[in-house]
Amino acid sequence: MVVDPADRTVRELGVAIGINTNQVAEYEGLIRALEELSRAGARRARVVTDSQFVVKQFNGEYRAKDERMKALLARAKAVAARFDALTVQHVMRSGHAHNTRADALANRALDEAKKKTH
């Protein structure tokens, strides 16, 4: 979900990325969000996610050890470099309206992908 400073929804997107780990899906979500914000012309952004793992790696609190995670982190950092100011922060999985909606979008994308394969 992309929302503007007045908390109005600008864009909603759910994309199935095939069979992957949660961490890969969470990184792909971060990268997609940053790309959407960049395409919309944003120069400053705040990204919230329920993935503490991604937030801590992106913010340098955890080191990326796995080669796949290193590659995803590098992609995220490359897109992040387009912004003048960027904050990536953790929110609890439940109790945050935008996170609840983002989960629903992800689940819808997964359901649609399953229908296509059956």
Foldseek 3Di string as FASTA:
>chain_A
DDADPVRHDDDAAAADDPDDDPVVVVLVVLLVVLVVCVVVPAQEEEAEDQDPPLLCCLVVVDPDDDPVVVVSSVSNVVSVVSHPYYHYYYDHCPDDVVNVVNVVSHVVNVVVVVVVVD
